[in-house]
Amino acid sequence: MKKRLVPAVVLLLMVMAFAPFKKKVARVYLIGDSTVADYSDYDGEDYMNKRYPVMGWGQVFQPFLRADSVSKIKHIIKADSVILLDKARGGRSTRTFFEEGRWAAVYQELKKNDVVMIQFGHNDAAENKPERYVNVQGYKEYLRLYVNQTRQKGAYPILLTPVTRNYPWKDGKIGNVHGEYPQAVKDVARELNVPLIDLQQLSIDSFSAKGQEYVTEHYFMNLPAGKYKNYPDGQKDNTHFQPEGAKEVARLVFEGMKSLAKK
């Protein structure tokens, strides 16, 4: 009897030894506006022949979520690998993102230990565009909604203050162009005990260190005529990013995530 059992035990051990390790995969959702968006995935548009070189920081965030990097934010990402799902969209405020059903689509798919990174504000503050404008109190209410519903699914919300624009510059430093909205994010983060990345301040500090001339030319969509086929007449845009600017903001976001992991 014993001789017949030994091969079976050995076979079982061999199967266990060579069985593939099942990795835990977490998903990171990005919700927000054009500064976060992935322009290469806009409803089948021909990105390279229509929009390039504009980029949101979410478009270049995946490299910061590789296995070697995820180990540095293990208190946030409870998994071995990450799938990035950038659901941000240009022109959206906290309100219009919700009203268009974009949040409902994310909420339906959310699972335990997913991460939702929330960065709005550019369009909420646009009083001259009533179709997207949200006052500060409404802004807070929608942020609360996103946080609370993320938590209902056992997922992990992170709030971000809106990344800075390329103005106003004074004495070699960018000032606050977003009014009361960054503070509103901080207020909600404190009220609901939500992790906060102060992306506005991180970007102000980073861009100011680089200097106005460099940032204007290399980070934002200030393009000379004739350089890019999609912008033959050039462009002056101090809100949206070129690839180098998007990558720098993505780096700042990841540094912010690492800082959260230390708290």
C-alpha atoms as a PDB file:
ATOM      1  CA  MET A   1       0.000   0.000   0.000  1.00  0.00           C
ATOM      2  CA  LYS A   2       2.787   2.418   0.947  1.00  0.00           C
ATOM      3  CA  LYS A   3       4.660   1.788  -2.315  1.00  0.00           C
ATOM      4  CA  ARG A   4       1.562   2.689  -4.293  1.00  0.00           C
ATOM      5  CA  LEU A   5       1.000   5.953  -2.317  1.00  0.00           C
ATOM      6  CA  VAL A   6       4.504   7.376  -2.699  1.00  0.00           C
ATOM      7  CA  PRO A   7       4.299   8.094  -6.445  1.00  0.00           C
ATOM      8  CA  ALA A   8       0.994   9.881  -5.940  1.00  0.00           C
ATOM      9  CA  VAL A   9       2.459  12.115  -3.250  1.00  0.00           C
ATOM     10  CA  VAL A  10       5.493  12.871  -5.349  1.00  0.00           C
ATOM     11  CA  LEU A  11       3.293  13.689  -8.335  1.00  0.00           C
ATOM     12  CA  LEU A  12       1.188  16.058  -6.219  1.00  0.00           C
ATOM     13  CA  LEU A  13       4.283  17.862  -4.974  1.00  0.00           C
ATOM     14  CA  MET A  14       5.581  18.199  -8.515  1.00  0.00           C
ATOM     15  CA  VAL A  15       2.302  19.674  -9.725  1.00  0.00           C
ATOM     16  CA  MET A  16       2.322  22.172  -6.859  1.00  0.00           C
ATOM     17  CA  ALA A  17       5.925  23.133  -7.547  1.00  0.00           C
ATOM     18  CA  PHE A  18       5.345  23.840 -11.210  1.00  0.00           C
ATOM     19  CA  ALA A  19       1.865  25.345 -10.936  1.00  0.00           C
ATOM     20  CA  PRO A  20       1.821  28.939 -12.210  1.00  0.00           C
ATOM     21  CA  PHE A  21       1.792  31.599  -9.499  1.00  0.00           C
ATOM     22  CA  LYS A  22      -1.523  33.429  -9.573  1.00  0.00           C
ATOM     23  CA  LYS A  23      -0.812  37.128  -9.516  1.00  0.00           C
ATOM     24  CA  LYS A  24      -3.067  39.583  -7.779  1.00  0.00           C
ATOM     25  CA  VAL A  25      -4.075  42.307 -10.196  1.00  0.00           C
ATOM     26  CA  ALA A  26      -5.408  45.675  -9.068  1.00  0.00           C
ATOM     27  CA  ARG A  27      -6.983  48.298 -11.263  1.00  0.00           C
ATOM     28  CA  VAL A  28      -6.286  52.007 -11.008  1.00  0.00           C
ATOM     29  CA  TYR A  29      -9.051  54.210 -12.400  1.00  0.00           C
ATOM     30  CA  LEU A  30      -8.386  57.833 -13.287  1.00  0.00           C
ATOM     31  CA  ILE A  31     -11.340  60.198 -13.409  1.00  0.00           C
ATOM     32  CA  GLY A  32     -10.980  63.841 -14.281  1.00  0.00           C
ATOM     33  CA  ASP A  33     -10.586  66.326 -17.121  1.00  0.00           C
ATOM     34  CA  SER A  34      -8.317  66.891 -20.118  1.00  0.00           C
ATOM     35  CA  THR A  35      -5.182  67.319 -18.004  1.00  0.00           C
ATOM     36  CA  VAL A  36      -5.617  63.682 -16.900  1.00  0.00           C
ATOM     37  CA  ALA A  37      -7.025  62.194 -20.105  1.00  0.00           C
ATOM     38  CA  ASP A  38      -5.515  59.700 -22.542  1.00  0.00           C
ATOM     39  CA  TYR A  39      -5.933  61.362 -25.927  1.00  0.00           C
ATOM     40  CA  SER A  40      -4.730  58.271 -27.768  1.00  0.00           C
ATOM     41  CA  ASP A  41      -7.964  56.502 -26.799  1.00  0.00           C
ATOM     42  CA  TYR A  42     -10.648  58.998 -27.812  1.00  0.00           C
ATOM     43  CA  ASP A  43     -13.447  56.972 -29.442  1.00  0.00           C
ATOM     44  CA  GLY A  44     -11.266  55.615 -32.212  1.00  0.00           C
ATOM     45  CA  GLU A  45      -9.892  58.980 -33.296  1.00  0.00           C
ATOM     46  CA  ASP A  46      -6.659  59.024 -35.263  1.00  0.00           C
ATOM     47  CA  TYR A  47      -4.598  60.519 -32.450  1.00  0.00           C
ATOM     48  CA  MET A  48      -1.304  60.902 -34.288  1.00  0.00           C
ATOM     49  CA  ASN A  49      -2.987  62.648 -37.225  1.00  0.00           C
ATOM     50  CA  LYS A  50      -5.437  64.758 -35.255  1.00  0.00           C
ATOM     51  CA  ARG A  51      -4.322  65.650 -31.738  1.00  0.00           C
ATOM     52  CA  TYR A  52      -0.638  64.818 -31.145  1.00  0.00           C
ATOM     53  CA  PRO A  53       1.403  66.130 -29.311  1.00  0.00           C
ATOM     54  CA  VAL A  54      -1.212  66.969 -26.644  1.00  0.00           C
ATOM     55  CA  MET A  55      -1.170  64.540 -23.700  1.00  0.00           C
ATOM     56  CA  GLY A  56      -2.787  64.219 -20.295  1.00  0.00           C
ATOM     57  CA  TRP A  57      -0.644  62.861 -17.491  1.00  0.00           C
ATOM     58  CA  GLY A  58      -2.767  59.712 -17.347  1.00  0.00           C
ATOM     59  CA  GLN A  59      -1.623  58.867 -20.863  1.00  0.00           C
ATOM     60  CA  VAL A  60       1.933  58.311 -19.603  1.00  0.00           C
ATOM     61  CA  PHE A  61       1.188  57.023 -16.098  1.00  0.00           C
ATOM     62  CA  GLN A  62       1.305  53.265 -16.771  1.00  0.00           C
ATOM     63  CA  PRO A  63       5.148  53.087 -16.702  1.00  0.00           C
ATOM     64  CA  PHE A  64       5.022  54.294 -13.099  1.00  0.00           C
ATOM     65  CA  LEU A  65       2.829  51.310 -12.193  1.00  0.00           C
ATOM     66  CA  ARG A  66       5.153  48.501 -13.259  1.00  0.00           C
ATOM     67  CA  ALA A  67       6.003  45.739 -10.805  1.00  0.00           C
ATOM     68  CA  ASP A  68       9.203  47.334  -9.516  1.00  0.00           C
ATOM     69  CA  SER A  69       7.395  50.616  -8.890  1.00  0.00           C
ATOM     70  CA  VAL A  70       4.268  49.086  -7.375  1.00  0.00           C
ATOM     71  CA  SER A  71       6.415  47.679  -4.579  1.00  0.00           C
ATOM     72  CA  LYS A  72       7.066  51.280  -3.497  1.00  0.00           C
ATOM     73  CA  ILE A  73       3.355  51.979  -3.017  1.00  0.00           C
ATOM     74  CA  LYS A  74       2.272  48.646  -1.558  1.00  0.00           C
ATOM     75  CA  HIS A  75       0.153  50.358   1.099  1.00  0.00           C
ATOM     76  CA  ILE A  76      -2.010  51.690  -1.734  1.00  0.00           C
ATOM     77  CA  ILE A  77      -1.771  48.963  -4.367  1.00  0.00           C
ATOM     78  CA  LYS A  78      -2.606  45.647  -2.732  1.00  0.00           C
ATOM     79  CA  ALA A  79      -1.578  43.550  -5.717  1.00  0.00           C
ATOM     80  CA  ASP A  80       1.387  42.347  -7.745  1.00  0.00           C
ATOM     81  CA  SER A  81       0.490  44.182 -10.925  1.00  0.00           C
ATOM     82  CA  VAL A  82      -1.712  47.046 -12.070  1.00  0.00           C
ATOM     83  CA  ILE A  83      -4.077  47.720 -14.943  1.00  0.00           C
ATOM     84  CA  LEU A  84      -4.511  51.437 -15.571  1.00  0.00           C
ATOM     85  CA  LEU A  85      -7.951  52.551 -16.749  1.00  0.00           C
ATOM     86  CA  ASP A  86      -7.952  56.215 -17.711  1.00  0.00           C
ATOM     87  CA  LYS A  87     -11.589  57.355 -17.844  1.00  0.00           C
ATOM     88  CA  ALA A  88     -10.842  61.085 -17.706  1.00  0.00           C
ATOM     89  CA  ARG A  89     -12.267  63.245 -20.462  1.00  0.00           C
ATOM     90  CA  GLY A  90     -11.592  66.718 -21.751  1.00  0.00           C
ATOM     91  CA  GLY A  91     -14.015  69.484 -20.809  1.00  0.00           C
ATOM     92  CA  ARG A  92     -15.611  67.596 -17.923  1.00  0.00           C
ATOM     93  CA  SER A  93     -16.316  68.942 -14.476  1.00  0.00           C
ATOM     94  CA  THR A  94     -17.306  66.893 -11.446  1.00  0.00           C
ATOM     95  CA  ARG A  95     -20.932  67.461 -12.407  1.00  0.00           C
ATOM     96  CA  THR A  96     -20.827  66.706 -16.135  1.00  0.00           C
ATOM     97  CA  PHE A  97     -18.676  63.617 -15.587  1.00  0.00           C
ATOM     98  CA  PHE A  98     -21.473  62.315 -13.382  1.00  0.00           C
ATOM     99  CA  GLU A  99     -24.404  63.510 -15.514  1.00  0.00           C
ATOM    100  CA  GLU A 100     -23.036  61.886 -18.672  1.00  0.00           C
ATOM    101  CA  GLY A 101     -22.954  58.487 -16.975  1.00  0.00           C
ATOM    102  CA  ARG A 102     -19.181  58.282 -17.004  1.00  0.00           C
ATOM    103  CA  TRP A 103     -19.010  57.742 -13.258  1.00  0.00           C
ATOM    104  CA  ALA A 104     -21.816  55.151 -13.363  1.00  0.00           C
ATOM    105  CA  ALA A 105     -19.757  53.108 -15.831  1.00  0.00           C
ATOM    106  CA  VAL A 106     -16.756  53.185 -13.487  1.00  0.00           C
ATOM    107  CA  TYR A 107     -18.834  52.461 -10.383  1.00  0.00           C
ATOM    108  CA  GLN A 108     -20.425  49.421 -12.000  1.00  0.00           C
ATOM    109  CA  GLU A 109     -17.012  47.885 -12.651  1.00  0.00           C
ATOM    110  CA  LEU A 110     -15.324  48.762  -9.348  1.00  0.00           C
ATOM    111  CA  LYS A 111     -14.034  45.916  -7.212  1.00  0.00           C
ATOM    112  CA  LYS A 112     -12.423  45.605  -3.812  1.00  0.00           C
ATOM    113  CA  ASN A 113      -8.879  47.010  -3.643  1.00  0.00           C
ATOM    114  CA  ASP A 114      -9.228  48.964  -6.885  1.00  0.00           C
ATOM    115  CA  VAL A 115      -7.953  52.529  -6.688  1.00  0.00           C
ATOM    116  CA  VAL A 116      -9.823  55.606  -7.946  1.00  0.00           C
ATOM    117  CA  MET A 117      -7.767  58.768  -8.450  1.00  0.00           C
ATOM    118  CA  ILE A 118      -9.958  61.882  -8.677  1.00  0.00           C
ATOM    119  CA  GLN A 119      -8.709  65.162 -10.185  1.00  0.00           C
ATOM    120  CA  PHE A 120     -11.175  67.830 -11.305  1.00  0.00           C
ATOM    121  CA  GLY A 121     -11.324  71.601 -11.024  1.00  0.00           C
ATOM    122  CA  HIS A 122     -10.279  73.212 -14.312  1.00  0.00           C
ATOM    123  CA  ASN A 123     -13.788  73.082 -15.756  1.00  0.00           C
ATOM    124  CA  ASP A 124     -15.710  73.326 -12.500  1.00  0.00           C
ATOM    125  CA  ALA A 125     -14.310  76.835 -12.070  1.00  0.00           C
ATOM    126  CA  ALA A 126     -15.298  77.992 -15.585  1.00  0.00           C
ATOM    127  CA  GLU A 127     -18.013  80.523 -14.711  1.00  0.00           C
ATOM    128  CA  ASN A 128     -18.087  81.673 -18.341  1.00  0.00           C
ATOM    129  CA  LYS A 129     -19.138  78.162 -19.416  1.00  0.00           C
ATOM    130  CA  PRO A 130     -22.373  77.381 -17.567  1.00  0.00           C
ATOM    131  CA  GLU A 131     -22.701  73.992 -19.272  1.00  0.00           C
ATOM    132  CA  ARG A 132     -19.784  72.757 -17.158  1.00  0.00           C
ATOM    133  CA  TYR A 133     -19.514  75.229 -14.264  1.00  0.00           C
ATOM    134  CA  VAL A 134     -19.947  73.977 -10.687  1.00  0.00           C
ATOM    135  CA  ASN A 135     -19.670  76.300  -7.705  1.00  0.00           C
ATOM    136  CA  VAL A 136     -17.393  75.380  -4.824  1.00  0.00           C
ATOM    137  CA  GLN A 137     -20.132  73.839  -2.683  1.00  0.00           C
ATOM    138  CA  GLY A 138     -21.390  71.732  -5.575  1.00  0.00           C
ATOM    139  CA  TYR A 139     -17.814  70.713  -6.350  1.00  0.00           C
ATOM    140  CA  LYS A 140     -17.428  69.443  -2.797  1.00  0.00           C
ATOM    141  CA  GLU A 141     -20.684  67.493  -3.030  1.00  0.00           C
ATOM    142  CA  TYR A 142     -19.610  65.664  -6.168  1.00  0.00           C
ATOM    143  CA  LEU A 143     -16.194  64.895  -4.684  1.00  0.00           C
ATOM    144  CA  ARG A 144     -17.952  63.435  -1.630  1.00  0.00           C
ATOM    145  CA  LEU A 145     -20.141  61.340  -3.906  1.00  0.00           C
ATOM    146  CA  TYR A 146     -17.150  59.892  -5.766  1.00  0.00           C
ATOM    147  CA  VAL A 147     -15.332  59.141  -2.522  1.00  0.00           C
ATOM    148  CA  ASN A 148     -18.284  57.562  -0.739  1.00  0.00           C
ATOM    149  CA  GLN A 149     -19.358  55.416  -3.675  1.00  0.00           C
ATOM    150  CA  THR A 150     -15.773  54.269  -4.250  1.00  0.00           C
ATOM    151  CA  ARG A 151     -15.640  53.126  -0.650  1.00  0.00           C
ATOM    152  CA  GLN A 152     -19.004  51.349  -0.986  1.00  0.00           C
ATOM    153  CA  LYS A 153     -17.283  48.993  -3.420  1.00  0.00           C
ATOM    154  CA  GLY A 154     -14.335  48.392  -1.103  1.00  0.00           C
ATOM    155  CA  ALA A 155     -12.108  50.432  -3.396  1.00  0.00           C
ATOM    156  CA  TYR A 156      -9.584  53.082  -2.396  1.00  0.00           C
ATOM    157  CA  PRO A 157     -10.183  56.765  -3.313  1.00  0.00           C
ATOM    158  CA  ILE A 158      -7.394  59.310  -3.685  1.00  0.00           C
ATOM    159  CA  LEU A 159      -8.167  63.011  -4.133  1.00  0.00           C
ATOM    160  CA  LEU A 160      -5.888  65.301  -6.122  1.00  0.00           C
ATOM    161  CA  THR A 161      -5.948  69.069  -6.239  1.00  0.00           C
ATOM    162  CA  PRO A 162      -6.023  70.332  -9.852  1.00  0.00           C
ATOM    163  CA  VAL A 163      -2.648  70.574 -11.572  1.00  0.00           C
ATOM    164  CA  THR A 164      -1.531  74.164 -12.127  1.00  0.00           C
ATOM    165  CA  ARG A 165      -1.844  76.103 -15.352  1.00  0.00           C
ATOM    166  CA  ASN A 166       1.141  78.001 -16.709  1.00  0.00           C
ATOM    167  CA  TYR A 167       0.108  81.265 -15.046  1.00  0.00           C
ATOM    168  CA  PRO A 168       0.141  83.611 -13.251  1.00  0.00           C
ATOM    169  CA  TRP A 169       3.932  84.021 -12.963  1.00  0.00           C
ATOM    170  CA  LYS A 170       5.350  86.498 -10.472  1.00  0.00           C
ATOM    171  CA  ASP A 171       8.891  86.781  -9.173  1.00  0.00           C
ATOM    172  CA  GLY A 172       9.837  83.507 -10.841  1.00  0.00           C
ATOM    173  CA  LYS A 173       6.992  81.450  -9.357  1.00  0.00           C
ATOM    174  CA  ILE A 174       3.540  80.388 -10.516  1.00  0.00           C
ATOM    175  CA  GLY A 175       0.612  81.528  -8.400  1.00  0.00           C
ATOM    176  CA  ASN A 176      -2.739  79.911  -7.708  1.00  0.00           C
ATOM    177  CA  VAL A 177      -5.026  80.193 -10.720  1.00  0.00           C
ATOM    178  CA  HIS A 178      -7.723  77.824  -9.394  1.00  0.00           C
ATOM    179  CA  GLY A 179      -9.167  80.079  -6.702  1.00  0.00           C
ATOM    180  CA  GLU A 180     -10.962  78.242  -3.883  1.00  0.00           C
ATOM    181  CA  TYR A 181     -11.132  74.876  -5.624  1.00  0.00           C
ATOM    182  CA  PRO A 182      -7.824  73.384  -4.401  1.00  0.00           C
ATOM    183  CA  GLN A 183      -8.752  74.239  -0.827  1.00  0.00           C
ATOM    184  CA  ALA A 184     -12.153  72.629  -1.379  1.00  0.00           C
ATOM    185  CA  VAL A 185     -10.415  69.359  -2.274  1.00  0.00           C
ATOM    186  CA  LYS A 186      -8.339  69.600   0.892  1.00  0.00           C
ATOM    187  CA  ASP A 187     -11.465  70.285   2.941  1.00  0.00           C
ATOM    188  CA  VAL A 188     -13.218  67.167   1.612  1.00  0.00           C
ATOM    189  CA  ALA A 189     -10.084  65.071   2.111  1.00  0.00           C
ATOM    190  CA  ARG A 190      -9.890  66.175   5.737  1.00  0.00           C
ATOM    191  CA  GLU A 191     -13.622  65.777   6.327  1.00  0.00           C
ATOM    192  CA  LEU A 192     -13.798  62.229   4.923  1.00  0.00           C
ATOM    193  CA  ASN A 193     -10.260  61.168   5.869  1.00  0.00           C
ATOM    194  CA  VAL A 194      -9.283  60.605   2.239  1.00  0.00           C
ATOM    195  CA  PRO A 195      -5.679  60.381   1.019  1.00  0.00           C
ATOM    196  CA  LEU A 196      -4.743  63.633  -0.697  1.00  0.00           C
ATOM    197  CA  ILE A 197      -2.107  64.471  -3.291  1.00  0.00           C
ATOM    198  CA  ASP A 198      -1.665  68.228  -3.500  1.00  0.00           C
ATOM    199  CA  LEU A 199      -0.871  68.169  -7.197  1.00  0.00           C
ATOM    200  CA  GLN A 200      -1.365  71.891  -7.537  1.00  0.00           C
ATOM    201  CA  GLN A 201       1.461  72.615  -5.100  1.00  0.00           C
ATOM    202  CA  LEU A 202       3.687  69.843  -6.431  1.00  0.00           C
ATOM    203  CA  SER A 203       3.339  71.184  -9.972  1.00  0.00           C
ATOM    204  CA  ILE A 204       3.814  74.807  -8.887  1.00  0.00           C
ATOM    205  CA  ASP A 205       7.051  73.886  -7.150  1.00  0.00           C
ATOM    206  CA  SER A 206       8.320  71.727 -10.012  1.00  0.00           C
ATOM    207  CA  PHE A 207       7.443  74.168 -12.783  1.00  0.00           C
ATOM    208  CA  SER A 208       8.751  77.165 -10.874  1.00  0.00           C
ATOM    209  CA  ALA A 209      12.081  75.383 -10.377  1.00  0.00           C
ATOM    210  CA  LYS A 210      12.317  74.793 -14.141  1.00  0.00           C
ATOM    211  CA  GLY A 211      11.492  78.390 -14.947  1.00  0.00           C
ATOM    212  CA  GLN A 212       8.821  80.106 -17.013  1.00  0.00           C
ATOM    213  CA  GLU A 213      10.664  80.021 -20.332  1.00  0.00           C
ATOM    214  CA  TYR A 214      11.445  76.297 -20.179  1.00  0.00           C
ATOM    215  CA  VAL A 215       8.010  75.259 -18.951  1.00  0.00           C
ATOM    216  CA  THR A 216       6.215  77.420 -21.510  1.00  0.00           C
ATOM    217  CA  GLU A 217       8.200  75.955 -24.400  1.00  0.00           C
ATOM    218  CA  HIS A 218       8.569  72.327 -23.327  1.00  0.00           C
ATOM    219  CA  TYR A 219       5.701  71.479 -20.958  1.00  0.00           C
ATOM    220  CA  PHE A 220       2.612  73.273 -22.267  1.00  0.00           C
ATOM    221  CA  MET A 221       1.028  73.303 -25.720  1.00  0.00           C
ATOM    222  CA  ASN A 222       2.741  76.448 -26.914  1.00  0.00           C
ATOM    223  CA  LEU A 223       3.720  75.406 -30.409  1.00  0.00           C
ATOM    224  CA  PRO A 224       5.447  77.328 -33.191  1.00  0.00           C
ATOM    225  CA  ALA A 225       3.860  77.386 -36.622  1.00  0.00           C
ATOM    226  CA  GLY A 226       4.947  74.574 -38.900  1.00  0.00           C
ATOM    227  CA  LYS A 227       6.407  72.233 -36.261  1.00  0.00           C
ATOM    228  CA  TYR A 228       3.453  69.847 -35.948  1.00  0.00           C
ATOM    229  CA  LYS A 229       1.145  68.875 -38.789  1.00  0.00           C
ATOM    230  CA  ASN A 230      -1.882  68.859 -36.478  1.00  0.00           C
ATOM    231  CA  TYR A 231      -1.214  72.489 -35.546  1.00  0.00           C
ATOM    232  CA  PRO A 232       0.121  74.040 -38.763  1.00  0.00           C
ATOM    233  CA  ASP A 233      -0.504  77.580 -37.509  1.00  0.00           C
ATOM    234  CA  GLY A 234       1.028  76.876 -34.123  1.00  0.00           C
ATOM    235  CA  GLN A 235      -0.798  77.225 -30.817  1.00  0.00           C
ATOM    236  CA  LYS A 236      -0.728  79.095 -27.530  1.00  0.00           C
ATOM    237  CA  ASP A 237      -2.144  76.939 -24.751  1.00  0.00           C
ATOM    238  CA  ASN A 238      -1.039  77.199 -21.139  1.00  0.00           C
ATOM    239  CA  THR A 239      -3.394  74.539 -19.780  1.00  0.00           C
ATOM    240  CA  HIS A 240      -2.695  71.353 -21.764  1.00  0.00           C
ATOM    241  CA  PHE A 241       0.545  69.426 -21.889  1.00  0.00           C
ATOM    242  CA  GLN A 242       3.079  68.338 -24.439  1.00  0.00           C
ATOM    243  CA  PRO A 243       4.650  64.882 -23.791  1.00  0.00           C
ATOM    244  CA  GLU A 244       7.453  66.233 -21.594  1.00  0.00           C
ATOM    245  CA  GLY A 245       5.010  68.131 -19.419  1.00  0.00           C
ATOM    246  CA  ALA A 246       2.647  65.167 -19.128  1.00  0.00           C
ATOM    247  CA  LYS A 247       5.518  62.917 -18.065  1.00  0.00           C
ATOM    248  CA  GLU A 248       6.642  65.378 -15.424  1.00  0.00           C
ATOM    249  CA  VAL A 249       3.133  65.610 -13.961  1.00  0.00           C
ATOM    250  CA  ALA A 250       2.813  61.805 -14.002  1.00  0.00           C
ATOM    251  CA  ARG A 251       6.085  61.631 -12.084  1.00  0.00           C
ATOM    252  CA  LEU A 252       4.781  64.131  -9.546  1.00  0.00           C
ATOM    253  CA  VAL A 253       1.599  62.080  -9.068  1.00  0.00           C
ATOM    254  CA  PHE A 254       3.644  58.935  -8.448  1.00  0.00           C
ATOM    255  CA  GLU A 255       5.865  60.791  -5.979  1.00  0.00           C
ATOM    256  CA  GLY A 256       2.670  61.886  -4.259  1.00  0.00           C
ATOM    257  CA  MET A 257       1.518  58.270  -4.077  1.00  0.00           C
ATOM    258  CA  LYS A 258       4.830  57.241  -2.518  1.00  0.00           C
ATOM    259  CA  SER A 259       4.444  59.945   0.100  1.00  0.00           C
ATOM    260  CA  LEU A 260       0.979  58.633   0.955  1.00  0.00           C
ATOM    261  CA  ALA A 261       2.407  55.155   1.452  1.00  0.00           C
ATOM    262  CA  LYS A 262       4.783  56.504   4.102  1.00  0.00           C
ATOM    263  CA  LYS A 263       1.998  58.027   6.182  1.00  0.00           C
END
